[in-house]
């Protein structure tokens, strides 16, 4: 049975931890507001870009002369998976949920006898997959030292992916990240960015969009397609940033509550132990007095 001094120290320690988790929750809440605004502002642009590329992909008739970023290499043998996670922990199941979806896809790719290559963006994702899939990791990226993620970082990742594609290192590229819904809900996503995945147009855009190119079509697509890769990566960065802060806020809130409950239990235990100690001393004093 722990002594009164041990219980007193434990209560003090848990209260200190509770103060830290409460402060982290408040910091995460402040960061979440800005991150959520950025994610919501970036969605219309990335969605519009995605729709334009989708319409172009659906309108292509001559696949031989079309850009490979739209049509692909014509093969389905090698997959490049870009795993985008956080560089810091203490954010609940944020990193675990992305890695769980990624691992499921990795298993499926390998089971079909295809070649798997992985790029990790963020140290926490690498930590979770390196035991089972470490040998498939071809590049490790981390922007931990940079205070704010900008479009420049997205272009850096995009350039690495495009360089590998032009060297015929892979046939398909898939992004793994968390899509922010609200503070409690973040949905893991697997988005194919190379080649542009053909999707059925929604009822709002069922009208066949006709594009007039000025200057030439090839020149525009040469600039537009790489820009789309960077745009989708930047969107993933923004969604991840909001999801990370939302998940951390929820995790720290739960930790603060759990610490409060633990303090209550320890305080009750402390009072009972103290009462038992006092009662024991009284019995000893009374017994000593009676013996006299």
Protein backbone atom coordinates (compact mmCIF):
# COMPACT_ATOMS: atom_id res chain seq x y z
CA UNK A 1 0.00 0.00 0.00
CA UNK A 2 1.48 3.41 -0.98
CA UNK A 3 2.38 5.80 1.79
CA UNK A 4 0.80 9.22 2.27
CA UNK A 5 3.94 10.89 0.95
CA UNK A 6 3.86 8.77 -2.24
CA UNK A 7 0.18 9.57 -2.84
CA UNK A 8 0.81 13.27 -2.26
CA UNK A 9 3.62 13.26 -4.83
CA UNK A 10 1.49 11.32 -7.32
CA UNK A 11 -1.43 13.77 -7.01
CA UNK A 12 0.96 16.70 -7.53
CA UNK A 13 2.48 15.00 -10.60
CA UNK A 14 -0.92 14.28 -12.22
CA UNK A 15 -2.06 17.87 -11.59
CA UNK A 16 1.09 19.17 -13.34
CA UNK A 17 0.40 16.88 -16.31
CA UNK A 18 -3.20 18.09 -16.40
CA UNK A 19 -2.02 21.70 -16.66
CA UNK A 20 0.22 20.76 -19.62
CA UNK A 21 -2.54 18.89 -21.51
CA UNK A 22 -4.96 21.77 -20.88
CA UNK A 23 -2.43 24.27 -22.28
CA UNK A 24 -1.80 22.04 -25.32
CA UNK A 25 -5.54 21.82 -25.94
CA UNK A 26 -5.83 25.62 -25.94
CA UNK A 27 -2.84 26.00 -28.29
CA UNK A 28 -4.30 23.37 -30.65
CA UNK A 29 -7.68 25.15 -30.61
CA UNK A 30 -6.01 28.44 -31.57
CA UNK A 31 -4.02 26.80 -34.39
CA UNK A 32 -7.06 24.84 -35.58
CA UNK A 33 -9.03 27.97 -36.42
CA UNK A 34 -6.36 29.22 -38.81
CA UNK A 35 -5.66 25.75 -40.27
CA UNK A 36 -9.37 25.14 -40.87
CA UNK A 37 -9.73 28.48 -42.67
CA UNK A 38 -6.76 27.65 -44.92
CA UNK A 39 -8.13 24.18 -45.72
CA UNK A 40 -11.60 25.53 -46.57
CA UNK A 41 -10.15 28.34 -48.73
CA UNK A 42 -7.95 25.89 -50.65
CA UNK A 43 -10.71 23.39 -51.46
CA UNK A 44 -12.53 25.32 -54.25
CA UNK A 45 -9.29 25.93 -56.17
CA UNK A 46 -8.04 22.33 -55.91
CA UNK A 47 -11.49 20.93 -56.77
CA UNK A 48 -11.81 23.20 -59.81
CA UNK A 49 -8.33 22.21 -60.98
CA UNK A 50 -9.22 18.55 -60.47
CA UNK A 51 -12.46 18.97 -62.48
CA UNK A 52 -10.63 20.65 -65.36
CA UNK A 53 -8.07 17.83 -65.53
CA UNK A 54 -10.91 15.30 -65.27
CA UNK A 55 -12.78 16.92 -68.18
CA UNK A 56 -9.61 17.00 -70.25
CA UNK A 57 -8.97 13.32 -69.51
CA UNK A 58 -12.52 12.40 -70.56
CA UNK A 59 -12.31 14.42 -73.78
CA UNK A 60 -9.06 12.89 -75.04
CA UNK A 61 -9.50 10.80 -78.16
CA UNK A 62 -5.92 10.27 -79.33
CA UNK A 63 -4.14 8.62 -76.42
CA UNK A 64 -0.87 8.26 -78.35
CA UNK A 65 -0.25 12.02 -78.50
CA UNK A 66 -1.86 12.88 -75.13
CA UNK A 67 0.34 13.76 -72.11
CA UNK A 68 1.29 10.75 -69.98
CA UNK A 69 0.27 12.59 -66.80
CA UNK A 70 -3.33 12.25 -68.03
CA UNK A 71 -3.29 8.92 -69.86
CA UNK A 72 -0.60 7.14 -67.85
CA UNK A 73 2.14 4.83 -69.08
CA UNK A 74 -0.31 2.21 -70.27
CA UNK A 75 0.86 -0.19 -67.57
CA UNK A 76 -0.19 -0.99 -64.02
CA UNK A 77 2.92 -2.67 -62.60
CA UNK A 78 4.61 -0.16 -60.29
CA UNK A 79 2.90 1.98 -57.64
CA UNK A 80 4.37 5.02 -55.91
CA UNK A 81 2.59 5.68 -52.61
CA UNK A 82 3.12 9.06 -50.92
CA UNK A 83 2.35 8.75 -47.21
CA UNK A 84 1.66 12.18 -45.69
CA UNK A 85 1.61 12.29 -41.88
CA UNK A 86 2.64 14.66 -39.08
CA UNK A 87 6.15 15.30 -37.73
CA UNK A 88 4.85 15.51 -34.16
CA UNK A 89 2.89 13.14 -31.96
CA UNK A 90 0.29 13.62 -29.21
CA UNK A 91 -2.49 14.00 -31.78
CA UNK A 92 -4.70 10.99 -31.04
CA UNK A 93 -5.30 8.57 -33.91
CA UNK A 94 -4.39 11.08 -36.66
CA UNK A 95 -1.20 9.33 -37.84
CA UNK A 96 -2.46 5.81 -37.06
CA UNK A 97 -5.60 6.18 -39.19
CA UNK A 98 -3.63 7.30 -42.27
CA UNK A 99 -1.09 4.49 -41.82
CA UNK A 100 -3.84 1.91 -41.37
CA UNK A 101 -5.40 2.86 -44.73
CA UNK A 102 -1.97 2.97 -46.37
CA UNK A 103 -0.98 -0.47 -45.04
CA UNK A 104 -4.23 -1.95 -46.37
CA UNK A 105 -3.38 -0.59 -49.83
CA UNK A 106 0.25 -1.75 -49.56
CA UNK A 107 -0.91 -5.30 -48.80
CA UNK A 108 -3.32 -5.24 -51.75
CA UNK A 109 -0.61 -4.01 -54.17
CA UNK A 110 1.91 -6.64 -53.04
CA UNK A 111 -0.68 -9.41 -53.03
CA UNK A 112 -1.41 -8.65 -56.71
CA UNK A 113 2.30 -9.13 -57.47
CA UNK A 114 2.97 -5.47 -58.28
CA UNK A 115 5.99 -3.36 -57.35
CA UNK A 116 5.62 -0.98 -54.40
CA UNK A 117 7.61 2.21 -53.81
CA UNK A 118 6.95 4.56 -50.89
CA UNK A 119 7.78 8.20 -50.18
CA UNK A 120 7.10 9.32 -46.59
CA UNK A 121 6.33 12.96 -45.84
CA UNK A 122 6.47 13.32 -42.05
CA UNK A 123 8.46 11.29 -39.50
CA UNK A 124 5.53 9.71 -37.65
CA UNK A 125 4.33 7.80 -40.70
CA UNK A 126 7.80 6.40 -41.28
CA UNK A 127 7.99 5.26 -37.64
CA UNK A 128 4.78 3.27 -38.03
CA UNK A 129 5.53 1.53 -41.34
CA UNK A 130 9.31 1.03 -41.26
CA UNK A 131 9.07 -2.35 -39.50
CA UNK A 132 6.90 -4.01 -42.17
CA UNK A 133 7.46 -1.80 -45.22
CA UNK A 134 10.78 -0.06 -44.53
CA UNK A 135 12.50 -1.80 -47.46
CA UNK A 136 10.01 -0.24 -49.90
CA UNK A 137 10.71 3.35 -48.76
CA UNK A 138 12.75 5.13 -51.45
CA UNK A 139 12.70 8.65 -49.96
CA UNK A 140 12.05 10.22 -46.55
CA UNK A 141 10.91 13.84 -46.38
CA UNK A 142 10.32 16.01 -43.33
CA UNK A 143 9.48 19.70 -42.99
CA UNK A 144 9.74 19.71 -39.19
CA UNK A 145 12.13 22.67 -39.15
CA UNK A 146 9.75 24.90 -41.11
CA UNK A 147 7.20 26.74 -39.02
CA UNK A 148 4.62 27.07 -41.77
CA UNK A 149 3.92 24.81 -44.76
CA UNK A 150 3.50 26.79 -47.98
CA UNK A 151 3.01 25.98 -51.66
CA UNK A 152 6.80 25.85 -51.99
CA UNK A 153 6.94 22.61 -49.97
CA UNK A 154 4.17 21.11 -52.13
CA UNK A 155 6.16 22.00 -55.25
CA UNK A 156 9.27 20.32 -53.76
CA UNK A 157 7.35 17.07 -53.22
CA UNK A 158 5.69 17.42 -56.64
CA UNK A 159 9.07 17.88 -58.35
CA UNK A 160 10.41 14.67 -56.78
CA UNK A 161 7.32 12.74 -57.96
CA UNK A 162 7.48 14.19 -61.49
CA UNK A 163 11.22 13.46 -61.80
CA UNK A 164 10.57 9.82 -60.87
CA UNK A 165 7.67 9.64 -63.34
CA UNK A 166 9.73 11.02 -66.22
CA UNK A 167 12.39 8.39 -65.43
CA UNK A 168 9.66 5.71 -65.73
CA UNK A 169 10.13 4.71 -62.08
CA UNK A 170 6.39 4.10 -61.54
CA UNK A 171 3.06 3.80 -63.37
CA UNK A 172 0.62 5.13 -60.75
CA UNK A 173 0.98 7.54 -57.85
CA UNK A 174 -1.37 7.61 -54.84
CA UNK A 175 -1.51 10.19 -52.02
CA UNK A 176 -2.48 9.18 -48.47
CA UNK A 177 -3.69 11.91 -46.11
CA UNK A 178 -6.53 12.87 -43.76
CA UNK A 179 -9.51 14.87 -45.03
CA UNK A 180 -10.75 17.34 -42.40
CA UNK A 181 -14.49 17.26 -41.68
CA UNK A 182 -14.73 18.67 -38.15
CA UNK A 183 -12.85 18.62 -34.84
CA UNK A 184 -13.95 15.06 -34.08
CA UNK A 185 -13.99 13.57 -37.60
CA UNK A 186 -11.04 13.25 -39.97
CA UNK A 187 -11.41 10.80 -42.86
CA UNK A 188 -8.31 9.04 -44.28
CA UNK A 189 -8.07 9.44 -48.07
CA UNK A 190 -6.25 7.59 -50.86
CA UNK A 191 -6.16 9.91 -53.90
CA UNK A 192 -4.64 8.88 -57.23
CA UNK A 193 -2.86 11.85 -58.81
CA UNK A 194 -0.91 10.15 -61.63
CA UNK A 195 -2.42 9.39 -64.07
CA UNK A 196 -5.42 11.67 -63.63
CA UNK A 197 -8.21 9.41 -62.49
CA UNK A 198 -11.26 9.59 -64.72
CA UNK A 199 -14.41 10.26 -62.74
CA UNK A 200 -18.00 10.56 -63.85
CA UNK A 201 -19.04 14.17 -63.88
CA UNK A 202 -21.63 15.30 -61.39
CA UNK A 203 -25.11 16.37 -62.51
CA UNK A 204 -24.05 20.02 -62.27
CA UNK A 205 -21.25 19.55 -64.78
CA UNK A 206 -22.70 16.95 -67.13
CA UNK A 207 -22.56 19.49 -69.95
CA UNK A 208 -19.54 18.65 -72.08
CA UNK A 209 -17.10 21.45 -71.37
CA UNK A 210 -15.40 22.62 -74.52
CA UNK A 211 -12.02 24.27 -74.08
CA UNK A 212 -10.45 26.66 -76.54
CA UNK A 213 -6.68 26.70 -76.04
CA UNK A 214 -4.67 29.89 -76.42
CA UNK A 215 -1.74 29.47 -77.03
CA UNK A 216 -1.34 25.83 -78.11
CA UNK A 217 -2.91 22.94 -76.18
CA UNK A 218 0.43 21.18 -75.59
CA UNK A 219 2.03 24.30 -74.15
CA UNK A 220 -0.83 24.90 -71.71
CA UNK A 221 -1.02 21.28 -70.58
CA UNK A 222 2.75 21.21 -70.09
CA UNK A 223 2.37 23.90 -67.41
CA UNK A 224 -1.07 22.96 -66.10
CA UNK A 225 -0.52 19.25 -65.38
CA UNK A 226 2.57 19.62 -63.13
CA UNK A 227 0.80 22.52 -61.39
CA UNK A 228 -2.15 20.21 -60.69
CA UNK A 229 0.16 17.68 -58.98
CA UNK A 230 1.55 20.41 -56.68
CA UNK A 231 -1.97 21.76 -56.07
CA UNK A 232 -3.32 18.36 -54.95
CA UNK A 233 -0.28 17.86 -52.69
CA UNK A 234 -0.76 21.32 -51.18
CA UNK A 235 -4.42 20.52 -50.59
CA UNK A 236 -3.32 17.36 -48.74
CA UNK A 237 -0.92 19.47 -46.63
CA UNK A 238 -3.71 21.89 -45.69
CA UNK A 239 -6.20 19.11 -44.90
CA UNK A 240 -3.57 17.32 -42.81
CA UNK A 241 -2.70 20.49 -40.88
CA UNK A 242 -6.35 21.07 -39.90
CA UNK A 243 -6.91 17.37 -39.13
CA UNK A 244 -3.77 17.21 -36.96
CA UNK A 245 -4.81 20.17 -34.80
CA UNK A 246 -8.40 18.91 -34.52
CA UNK A 247 -7.20 15.46 -33.49
CA UNK A 248 -4.68 16.93 -31.02
CA UNK A 249 -7.34 19.18 -29.49
CA UNK A 250 -9.66 16.18 -28.96
CA UNK A 251 -6.83 14.01 -27.58
CA UNK A 252 -5.66 16.68 -25.12
CA UNK A 253 -9.25 17.33 -24.00
CA UNK A 254 -9.67 13.61 -23.25
CA UNK A 255 -6.29 13.54 -21.48
CA UNK A 256 -7.27 16.53 -19.32
CA UNK A 257 -10.53 14.85 -18.31
CA UNK A 258 -8.79 11.55 -17.56
CA UNK A 259 -6.22 13.40 -15.41
CA UNK A 260 -9.06 15.08 -13.49
CA UNK A 261 -10.73 11.70 -12.83
CA UNK A 262 -7.39 10.22 -11.71
CA UNK A 263 -6.79 13.12 -9.32
CA UNK A 264 -10.24 12.50 -7.77
CA UNK A 265 -9.51 8.79 -7.28
CA UNK A 266 -6.06 9.47 -5.83
CA UNK A 267 -7.48 12.13 -3.49
CA UNK A 268 -10.11 9.67 -2.19
CA UNK A 269 -7.40 7.03 -1.72
CA UNK A 270 -5.19 9.60 0.03
CA UNK A 271 -7.99 10.63 2.42
CA UNK A 272 -8.80 6.99 3.24
CA UNK A 273 -5.14 6.17 3.88
CA UNK A 274 -4.78 9.29 6.02
CA UNK A 275 -7.92 8.42 7.98
CA UNK A 276 -6.69 4.85 8.51
CA UNK A 277 -3.34 6.18 9.73
CA UNK A 278 -5.03 8.55 12.20
CA UNK A 279 -7.32 5.78 13.43
CA UNK A 280 -4.34 3.45 13.92
CA UNK A 281 -2.47 6.10 15.94
CA UNK A 282 -5.54 6.72 18.11
CA UNK A 283 -5.94 2.99 18.81
CA UNK A 284 -2.27 2.76 19.76
CA UNK A 285 -2.56 5.76 22.11
CA UNK A 286 -5.75 4.42 23.73
CA UNK A 287 -4.24 0.93 24.12
CA UNK A 288 -1.12 2.42 25.72
CA UNK A 289 -3.18 4.53 28.13
CA UNK A 290 -5.30 1.52 29.18
CA UNK A 291 -2.20 -0.59 29.86
CA UNK A 292 -1.03 2.04 32.33
